[in-house]
Amino acid sequence: ALAARRDALDACVAGTPGDGAAARGRRFRMLVVVEPSGEVSEARPYDEEIAATPLGICLARLARAATFPPFEGEPARVEVKVRADGE
């Protein structure tokens, strides 16, 4: 779901003053909680220093907007690896 939003991911990197140059090419681990409905109820970078920056906030907002196919069972806690290009 996030890979399909590559343009938006790149925009997060390119559009965050001060973070963009340092973030390009880095990989970030995100915690994403997906509800059985397919909606994301929680998303945040594991790295607390990144989470508090405009880049981390943008990545979390983008992940929360993602949708997944509905499934049965309990919410799924997933680690998502995101590569920041921002070209």
PDB file of N, CA and C in Angstrom:
ATOM      1  N   ALA A   1       0.821  -1.199   0.000  1.00  0.00           N
ATOM      2  CA  ALA A   1       0.000   0.000   0.000  1.00  0.00           C
ATOM      3  C   ALA A   1       0.862   1.259   0.000  1.00  0.00           C
ATOM      4  N   LEU A   2       1.958   1.227   0.754  1.00  0.00           N
ATOM      5  CA  LEU A   2       2.827   2.409   0.777  1.00  0.00           C
ATOM      6  C   LEU A   2       3.701   2.491  -0.467  1.00  0.00           C
ATOM      7  N   ALA A   3       4.120   1.354  -0.982  1.00  0.00           N
ATOM      8  CA  ALA A   3       4.955   1.369  -2.189  1.00  0.00           C
ATOM      9  C   ALA A   3       4.211   2.005  -3.353  1.00  0.00           C
ATOM     10  N   ALA A   4       2.904   1.849  -3.384  1.00  0.00           N
ATOM     11  CA  ALA A   4       2.099   2.443  -4.447  1.00  0.00           C
ATOM     12  C   ALA A   4       2.056   3.961  -4.324  1.00  0.00           C
ATOM     13  N   ARG A   5       2.442   4.487  -3.196  1.00  0.00           N
ATOM     14  CA  ARG A   5       2.426   5.931  -2.950  1.00  0.00           C
ATOM     15  C   ARG A   5       3.831   6.523  -3.011  1.00  0.00           C
ATOM     16  N   ARG A   6       4.692   5.967  -3.857  1.00  0.00           N
ATOM     17  CA  ARG A   6       6.093   6.394  -3.952  1.00  0.00           C
ATOM     18  C   ARG A   6       6.209   7.902  -4.161  1.00  0.00           C
ATOM     19  N   ASP A   7       5.364   8.482  -5.016  1.00  0.00           N
ATOM     20  CA  ASP A   7       5.433   9.929  -5.256  1.00  0.00           C
ATOM     21  C   ASP A   7       5.194  10.709  -3.968  1.00  0.00           C
ATOM     22  N   ALA A   8       4.216  10.262  -3.186  1.00  0.00           N
ATOM     23  CA  ALA A   8       3.913  10.947  -1.932  1.00  0.00           C
ATOM     24  C   ALA A   8       5.040  10.753  -0.925  1.00  0.00           C
ATOM     25  N   LEU A   9       5.649   9.559  -0.894  1.00  0.00           N
ATOM     26  CA  LEU A   9       6.796   9.338  -0.011  1.00  0.00           C
ATOM     27  C   LEU A   9       7.949  10.267  -0.375  1.00  0.00           C
ATOM     28  N   ASP A  10       8.226  10.365  -1.662  1.00  0.00           N
ATOM     29  CA  ASP A  10       9.298  11.254  -2.115  1.00  0.00           C
ATOM     30  C   ASP A  10       8.983  12.707  -1.769  1.00  0.00           C
ATOM     31  N   ALA A  11       7.714  13.087  -1.869  1.00  0.00           N
ATOM     32  CA  ALA A  11       7.314  14.456  -1.536  1.00  0.00           C
ATOM     33  C   ALA A  11       7.528  14.738  -0.050  1.00  0.00           C
ATOM     34  N   CYS A  12       7.332  13.733   0.802  1.00  0.00           N
ATOM     35  CA  CYS A  12       7.601  13.913   2.233  1.00  0.00           C
ATOM     36  C   CYS A  12       9.054  14.309   2.441  1.00  0.00           C
ATOM     37  N   VAL A  13       9.953  13.621   1.753  1.00  0.00           N
ATOM     38  CA  VAL A  13      11.387  13.907   1.903  1.00  0.00           C
ATOM     39  C   VAL A  13      11.726  15.264   1.297  1.00  0.00           C
ATOM     40  N   ALA A  14      11.283  15.491   0.082  1.00  0.00           N
ATOM     41  CA  ALA A  14      11.626  16.731  -0.621  1.00  0.00           C
ATOM     42  C   ALA A  14      11.015  17.958   0.036  1.00  0.00           C
ATOM     43  N   GLY A  15       9.870  17.787   0.679  1.00  0.00           N
ATOM     44  CA  GLY A  15       9.156  18.930   1.218  1.00  0.00           C
ATOM     45  C   GLY A  15       9.402  19.220   2.677  1.00  0.00           C
ATOM     46  N   THR A  16      10.394  18.597   3.281  1.00  0.00           N
ATOM     47  CA  THR A  16      10.659  18.839   4.693  1.00  0.00           C
ATOM     48  C   THR A  16      11.991  19.552   4.856  1.00  0.00           C
ATOM     49  N   PRO A  17      11.944  20.846   5.116  1.00  0.00           N
ATOM     50  CA  PRO A  17      13.171  21.632   5.225  1.00  0.00           C
ATOM     51  C   PRO A  17      14.113  21.065   6.278  1.00  0.00           C
ATOM     52  N   GLY A  18      15.378  20.960   5.927  1.00  0.00           N
ATOM     53  CA  GLY A  18      16.381  20.490   6.876  1.00  0.00           C
ATOM     54  C   GLY A  18      16.476  18.985   6.966  1.00  0.00           C
ATOM     55  N   ASP A  19      15.383  18.284   6.753  1.00  0.00           N
ATOM     56  CA  ASP A  19      15.384  16.828   6.854  1.00  0.00           C
ATOM     57  C   ASP A  19      15.724  16.177   5.525  1.00  0.00           C
ATOM     58  N   GLY A  20      15.333  16.801   4.432  1.00  0.00           N
ATOM     59  CA  GLY A  20      15.403  16.178   3.124  1.00  0.00           C
ATOM     60  C   GLY A  20      16.777  15.678   2.728  1.00  0.00           C
ATOM     61  N   ALA A  21      17.786  16.531   2.795  1.00  0.00           N
ATOM     62  CA  ALA A  21      19.119  16.140   2.338  1.00  0.00           C
ATOM     63  C   ALA A  21      19.669  14.993   3.183  1.00  0.00           C
ATOM     64  N   ALA A  22      19.470  15.059   4.479  1.00  0.00           N
ATOM     65  CA  ALA A  22      19.983  14.011   5.365  1.00  0.00           C
ATOM     66  C   ALA A  22      19.198  12.704   5.218  1.00  0.00           C
ATOM     67  N   ALA A  23      17.949  12.800   4.791  1.00  0.00           N
ATOM     68  CA  ALA A  23      17.092  11.618   4.725  1.00  0.00           C
ATOM     69  C   ALA A  23      17.221  10.854   3.417  1.00  0.00           C
ATOM     70  N   ARG A  24      17.645  11.510   2.347  1.00  0.00           N
ATOM     71  CA  ARG A  24      17.682  10.855   1.031  1.00  0.00           C
ATOM     72  C   ARG A  24      18.512   9.577   1.073  1.00  0.00           C
ATOM     73  N   GLY A  25      17.905   8.499   0.577  1.00  0.00           N
ATOM     74  CA  GLY A  25      18.589   7.217   0.516  1.00  0.00           C
ATOM     75  C   GLY A  25      18.534   6.421   1.800  1.00  0.00           C
ATOM     76  N   ARG A  26      18.066   7.011   2.892  1.00  0.00           N
ATOM     77  CA  ARG A  26      17.965   6.284   4.171  1.00  0.00           C
ATOM     78  C   ARG A  26      16.750   5.391   4.189  1.00  0.00           C
ATOM     79  N   ARG A  27      16.815   4.398   5.011  1.00  0.00           N
ATOM     80  CA  ARG A  27      15.665   3.518   5.237  1.00  0.00           C
ATOM     81  C   ARG A  27      15.141   3.784   6.642  1.00  0.00           C
ATOM     82  N   PHE A  28      13.824   3.836   6.736  1.00  0.00           N
ATOM     83  CA  PHE A  28      13.174   4.066   8.009  1.00  0.00           C
ATOM     84  C   PHE A  28      12.261   2.891   8.316  1.00  0.00           C
ATOM     85  N   ARG A  29      12.253   2.453   9.549  1.00  0.00           N
ATOM     86  CA  ARG A  29      11.319   1.410   9.971  1.00  0.00           C
ATOM     87  C   ARG A  29      10.106   2.091  10.585  1.00  0.00           C
ATOM     88  N   MET A  30       8.939   1.681  10.120  1.00  0.00           N
ATOM     89  CA  MET A  30       7.688   2.246  10.619  1.00  0.00           C
ATOM     90  C   MET A  30       6.867   1.141  11.272  1.00  0.00           C
ATOM     91  N   LEU A  31       6.199   1.459  12.369  1.00  0.00           N
ATOM     92  CA  LEU A  31       5.201   0.580  12.946  1.00  0.00           C
ATOM     93  C   LEU A  31       3.867   0.978  12.346  1.00  0.00           C
ATOM     94  N   VAL A  32       3.167   0.025  11.781  1.00  0.00           N
ATOM     95  CA  VAL A  32       1.849   0.268  11.210  1.00  0.00           C
ATOM     96  C   VAL A  32       0.899  -0.768  11.798  1.00  0.00           C
ATOM     97  N   VAL A  33      -0.209  -0.307  12.372  1.00  0.00           N
ATOM     98  CA  VAL A  33      -1.231  -1.207  12.898  1.00  0.00           C
ATOM     99  C   VAL A  33      -2.414  -1.161  11.952  1.00  0.00           C
ATOM    100  N   VAL A  34      -2.728  -2.321  11.375  1.00  0.00           N
ATOM    101  CA  VAL A  34      -3.815  -2.422  10.406  1.00  0.00           C
ATOM    102  C   VAL A  34      -4.991  -3.132  11.074  1.00  0.00           C
ATOM    103  N   GLU A  35      -6.138  -2.469  11.048  1.00  0.00           N
ATOM    104  CA  GLU A  35      -7.366  -3.038  11.614  1.00  0.00           C
ATOM    105  C   GLU A  35      -7.975  -4.050  10.632  1.00  0.00           C
ATOM    106  N   PRO A  36      -8.814  -4.956  11.131  1.00  0.00           N
ATOM    107  CA  PRO A  36      -9.454  -5.928  10.239  1.00  0.00           C
ATOM    108  C   PRO A  36     -10.229  -5.289   9.082  1.00  0.00           C
ATOM    109  N   SER A  37     -10.649  -4.058   9.251  1.00  0.00           N
ATOM    110  CA  SER A  37     -11.363  -3.347   8.186  1.00  0.00           C
ATOM    111  C   SER A  37     -10.429  -2.953   7.041  1.00  0.00           C
ATOM    112  N   GLY A  38      -9.112  -3.023   7.295  1.00  0.00           N
ATOM    113  CA  GLY A  38      -8.127  -2.596   6.315  1.00  0.00           C
ATOM    114  C   GLY A  38      -7.618  -1.187   6.560  1.00  0.00           C
ATOM    115  N   GLU A  39      -8.216  -0.483   7.512  1.00  0.00           N
ATOM    116  CA  GLU A  39      -7.779   0.872   7.842  1.00  0.00           C
ATOM    117  C   GLU A  39      -6.598   0.826   8.798  1.00  0.00           C
ATOM    118  N   VAL A  40      -5.720   1.806   8.678  1.00  0.00           N
ATOM    119  CA  VAL A  40      -4.559   1.916   9.561  1.00  0.00           C
ATOM    120  C   VAL A  40      -4.959   2.747  10.777  1.00  0.00           C
ATOM    121  N   SER A  41      -4.788   2.174  11.967  1.00  0.00           N
ATOM    122  CA  SER A  41      -5.165   2.885  13.186  1.00  0.00           C
ATOM    123  C   SER A  41      -3.978   3.544  13.871  1.00  0.00           C
ATOM    124  N   GLU A  42      -2.778   3.095  13.544  1.00  0.00           N
ATOM    125  CA  GLU A  42      -1.577   3.683  14.141  1.00  0.00           C
ATOM    126  C   GLU A  42      -0.438   3.551  13.149  1.00  0.00           C
ATOM    127  N   ALA A  43       0.376   4.585  13.076  1.00  0.00           N
ATOM    128  CA  ALA A  43       1.569   4.549  12.231  1.00  0.00           C
ATOM    129  C   ALA A  43       2.574   5.534  12.792  1.00  0.00           C
ATOM    130  N   ARG A  44       3.793   5.063  12.956  1.00  0.00           N
ATOM    131  CA  ARG A  44       4.855   5.951  13.460  1.00  0.00           C
ATOM    132  C   ARG A  44       6.214   5.349  13.142  1.00  0.00           C
ATOM    133  N   PRO A  45       7.201   6.210  12.928  1.00  0.00           N
ATOM    134  CA  PRO A  45       8.567   5.708  12.774  1.00  0.00           C
ATOM    135  C   PRO A  45       9.042   5.114  14.103  1.00  0.00           C
ATOM    136  N   TYR A  46       9.811   4.045  14.050  1.00  0.00           N
ATOM    137  CA  TYR A  46      10.388   3.472  15.270  1.00  0.00           C
ATOM    138  C   TYR A  46      11.381   4.430  15.904  1.00  0.00           C
ATOM    139  N   ASP A  47      12.126   5.152  15.088  1.00  0.00           N
ATOM    140  CA  ASP A  47      13.128   6.084  15.579  1.00  0.00           C
ATOM    141  C   ASP A  47      12.429   7.330  16.108  1.00  0.00           C
ATOM    142  N   GLU A  48      12.457   7.519  17.418  1.00  0.00           N
ATOM    143  CA  GLU A  48      11.750   8.641  18.041  1.00  0.00           C
ATOM    144  C   GLU A  48      12.289   9.992  17.568  1.00  0.00           C
ATOM    145  N   GLU A  49      13.583  10.069  17.247  1.00  0.00           N
ATOM    146  CA  GLU A  49      14.135  11.329  16.754  1.00  0.00           C
ATOM    147  C   GLU A  49      13.533  11.698  15.404  1.00  0.00           C
ATOM    148  N   ILE A  50      13.322  10.721  14.547  1.00  0.00           N
ATOM    149  CA  ILE A  50      12.690  10.964  13.246  1.00  0.00           C
ATOM    150  C   ILE A  50      11.202  11.239  13.438  1.00  0.00           C
ATOM    151  N   ALA A  51      10.566  10.510  14.352  1.00  0.00           N
ATOM    152  CA  ALA A  51       9.120  10.651  14.567  1.00  0.00           C
ATOM    153  C   ALA A  51       8.729  12.089  14.892  1.00  0.00           C
ATOM    154  N   ALA A  52       9.585  12.809  15.584  1.00  0.00           N
ATOM    155  CA  ALA A  52       9.268  14.173  16.020  1.00  0.00           C
ATOM    156  C   ALA A  52       9.563  15.235  14.960  1.00  0.00           C
ATOM    157  N   THR A  53      10.155  14.842  13.828  1.00  0.00           N
ATOM    158  CA  THR A  53      10.507  15.816  12.792  1.00  0.00           C
ATOM    159  C   THR A  53       9.366  15.959  11.783  1.00  0.00           C
ATOM    160  N   PRO A  54       9.393  17.020  10.980  1.00  0.00           N
ATOM    161  CA  PRO A  54       8.386  17.141   9.920  1.00  0.00           C
ATOM    162  C   PRO A  54       8.378  15.921   8.987  1.00  0.00           C
ATOM    163  N   LEU A  55       9.555  15.347   8.727  1.00  0.00           N
ATOM    164  CA  LEU A  55       9.615  14.160   7.879  1.00  0.00           C
ATOM    165  C   LEU A  55       8.879  12.990   8.527  1.00  0.00           C
ATOM    166  N   GLY A  56       9.140  12.742   9.796  1.00  0.00           N
ATOM    167  CA  GLY A  56       8.475  11.644  10.505  1.00  0.00           C
ATOM    168  C   GLY A  56       6.976  11.836  10.565  1.00  0.00           C
ATOM    169  N   ILE A  57       6.546  13.059  10.795  1.00  0.00           N
ATOM    170  CA  ILE A  57       5.117  13.361  10.854  1.00  0.00           C
ATOM    171  C   ILE A  57       4.476  13.121   9.495  1.00  0.00           C
ATOM    172  N   CYS A  58       5.152  13.538   8.430  1.00  0.00           N
ATOM    173  CA  CYS A  58       4.637  13.341   7.075  1.00  0.00           C
ATOM    174  C   CYS A  58       4.548  11.846   6.742  1.00  0.00           C
ATOM    175  N   LEU A  59       5.594  11.084   7.066  1.00  0.00           N
ATOM    176  CA  LEU A  59       5.576   9.642   6.802  1.00  0.00           C
ATOM    177  C   LEU A  59       4.455   8.950   7.575  1.00  0.00           C
ATOM    178  N   ALA A  60       4.254   9.327   8.831  1.00  0.00           N
ATOM    179  CA  ALA A  60       3.190   8.723   9.635  1.00  0.00           C
ATOM    180  C   ALA A  60       1.812   9.071   9.073  1.00  0.00           C
ATOM    181  N   ARG A  61       1.626  10.311   8.668  1.00  0.00           N
ATOM    182  CA  ARG A  61       0.341  10.728   8.088  1.00  0.00           C
ATOM    183  C   ARG A  61       0.055   9.946   6.808  1.00  0.00           C
ATOM    184  N   LEU A  62       1.085   9.781   5.988  1.00  0.00           N
ATOM    185  CA  LEU A  62       0.939   9.028   4.743  1.00  0.00           C
ATOM    186  C   LEU A  62       0.581   7.570   5.029  1.00  0.00           C
ATOM    187  N   ALA A  63       1.246   6.976   6.000  1.00  0.00           N
ATOM    188  CA  ALA A  63       0.961   5.574   6.351  1.00  0.00           C
ATOM    189  C   ALA A  63      -0.450   5.423   6.910  1.00  0.00           C
ATOM    190  N   ARG A  64      -0.895   6.388   7.719  1.00  0.00           N
ATOM    191  CA  ARG A  64      -2.255   6.311   8.276  1.00  0.00           C
ATOM    192  C   ARG A  64      -3.323   6.435   7.194  1.00  0.00           C
ATOM    193  N   ALA A  65      -2.991   7.073   6.081  1.00  0.00           N
ATOM    194  CA  ALA A  65      -3.948   7.239   4.986  1.00  0.00           C
ATOM    195  C   ALA A  65      -4.022   5.996   4.091  1.00  0.00           C
ATOM    196  N   ALA A  66      -3.088   5.080   4.263  1.00  0.00           N
ATOM    197  CA  ALA A  66      -3.071   3.863   3.426  1.00  0.00           C
ATOM    198  C   ALA A  66      -4.230   2.948   3.815  1.00  0.00           C
ATOM    199  N   THR A  67      -4.679   2.168   2.867  1.00  0.00           N
ATOM    200  CA  THR A  67      -5.701   1.154   3.157  1.00  0.00           C
ATOM    201  C   THR A  67      -5.219  -0.190   2.640  1.00  0.00           C
ATOM    202  N   PHE A  68      -5.640  -1.227   3.314  1.00  0.00           N
ATOM    203  CA  PHE A  68      -5.271  -2.595   2.993  1.00  0.00           C
ATOM    204  C   PHE A  68      -6.546  -3.400   2.787  1.00  0.00           C
ATOM    205  N   PRO A  69      -6.444  -4.540   2.140  1.00  0.00           N
ATOM    206  CA  PRO A  69      -7.641  -5.384   1.997  1.00  0.00           C
ATOM    207  C   PRO A  69      -8.147  -5.820   3.368  1.00  0.00           C
ATOM    208  N   PRO A  70      -9.460  -5.845   3.565  1.00  0.00           N
ATOM    209  CA  PRO A  70     -10.012  -6.312   4.842  1.00  0.00           C
ATOM    210  C   PRO A  70      -9.611  -7.768   5.105  1.00  0.00           C
ATOM    211  N   PHE A  71      -9.550  -8.105   6.385  1.00  0.00           N
ATOM    212  CA  PHE A  71      -9.209  -9.476   6.783  1.00  0.00           C
ATOM    213  C   PHE A  71      -9.937  -9.809   8.073  1.00  0.00           C
ATOM    214  N   GLU A  72      -9.929 -11.064   8.437  1.00  0.00           N
ATOM    215  CA  GLU A  72     -10.563 -11.498   9.686  1.00  0.00           C
ATOM    216  C   GLU A  72      -9.502 -11.640  10.764  1.00  0.00           C
ATOM    217  N   GLY A  73      -9.906 -11.416  11.995  1.00  0.00           N
ATOM    218  CA  GLY A  73      -8.984 -11.605  13.111  1.00  0.00           C
ATOM    219  C   GLY A  73      -8.684 -10.311  13.830  1.00  0.00           C
ATOM    220  N   GLU A  74      -7.585 -10.348  14.551  1.00  0.00           N
ATOM    221  CA  GLU A  74      -7.145  -9.220  15.364  1.00  0.00           C
ATOM    222  C   GLU A  74      -6.380  -8.207  14.499  1.00  0.00           C
ATOM    223  N   PRO A  75      -6.255  -6.969  14.987  1.00  0.00           N
ATOM    224  CA  PRO A  75      -5.430  -5.995  14.275  1.00  0.00           C
ATOM    225  C   PRO A  75      -4.016  -6.537  14.084  1.00  0.00           C
ATOM    226  N   ALA A  76      -3.409  -6.207  12.968  1.00  0.00           N
ATOM    227  CA  ALA A  76      -2.063  -6.672  12.649  1.00  0.00           C
ATOM    228  C   ALA A  76      -1.062  -5.548  12.874  1.00  0.00           C
ATOM    229  N   ARG A  77      -0.041  -5.830  13.666  1.00  0.00           N
ATOM    230  CA  ARG A  77       1.067  -4.893  13.878  1.00  0.00           C
ATOM    231  C   ARG A  77       2.160  -5.289  12.893  1.00  0.00           C
ATOM    232  N   VAL A  78       2.500  -4.374  12.004  1.00  0.00           N
ATOM    233  CA  VAL A  78       3.418  -4.679  10.920  1.00  0.00           C
ATOM    234  C   VAL A  78       4.579  -3.700  10.940  1.00  0.00           C
ATOM    235  N   GLU A  79       5.788  -4.220  10.720  1.00  0.00           N
ATOM    236  CA  GLU A  79       6.936  -3.344  10.529  1.00  0.00           C
ATOM    237  C   GLU A  79       7.081  -3.108   9.031  1.00  0.00           C
ATOM    238  N   VAL A  80       7.080  -1.848   8.653  1.00  0.00           N
ATOM    239  CA  VAL A  80       7.209  -1.473   7.249  1.00  0.00           C
ATOM    240  C   VAL A  80       8.527  -0.738   7.085  1.00  0.00           C
ATOM    241  N   LYS A  81       9.309  -1.143   6.101  1.00  0.00           N
ATOM    242  CA  LYS A  81      10.557  -0.443   5.804  1.00  0.00           C
ATOM    243  C   LYS A  81      10.315   0.503   4.648  1.00  0.00           C
ATOM    244  N   VAL A  82      10.658   1.760   4.856  1.00  0.00           N
ATOM    245  CA  VAL A  82      10.438   2.810   3.858  1.00  0.00           C
ATOM    246  C   VAL A  82      11.796   3.372   3.465  1.00  0.00           C
ATOM    247  N   ARG A  83      12.041   3.463   2.175  1.00  0.00           N
ATOM    248  CA  ARG A  83      13.274   4.102   1.700  1.00  0.00           C
ATOM    249  C   ARG A  83      12.933   5.500   1.210  1.00  0.00           C
ATOM    250  N   ALA A  84      13.641   6.479   1.744  1.00  0.00           N
ATOM    251  CA  ALA A  84      13.389   7.876   1.395  1.00  0.00           C
ATOM    252  C   ALA A  84      14.272   8.272   0.227  1.00  0.00           C
ATOM    253  N   ASP A  85      13.658   8.585  -0.902  1.00  0.00           N
ATOM    254  CA  ASP A  85      14.406   9.028  -2.073  1.00  0.00           C
ATOM    255  C   ASP A  85      14.343  10.544  -2.197  1.00  0.00           C
ATOM    256  N   GLY A  86      13.156  11.083  -2.369  1.00  0.00           N
ATOM    257  CA  GLY A  86      12.970  12.524  -2.416  1.00  0.00           C
ATOM    258  C   GLY A  86      13.677  13.228  -3.543  1.00  0.00           C
ATOM    259  N   GLU A  87      13.844  12.573  -4.661  1.00  0.00           N
ATOM    260  CA  GLU A  87      14.522  13.184  -5.799  1.00  0.00           C
ATOM    261  C   GLU A  87      13.634  14.204  -6.468  1.00  0.00           C
TER     262      GLU A  87
END
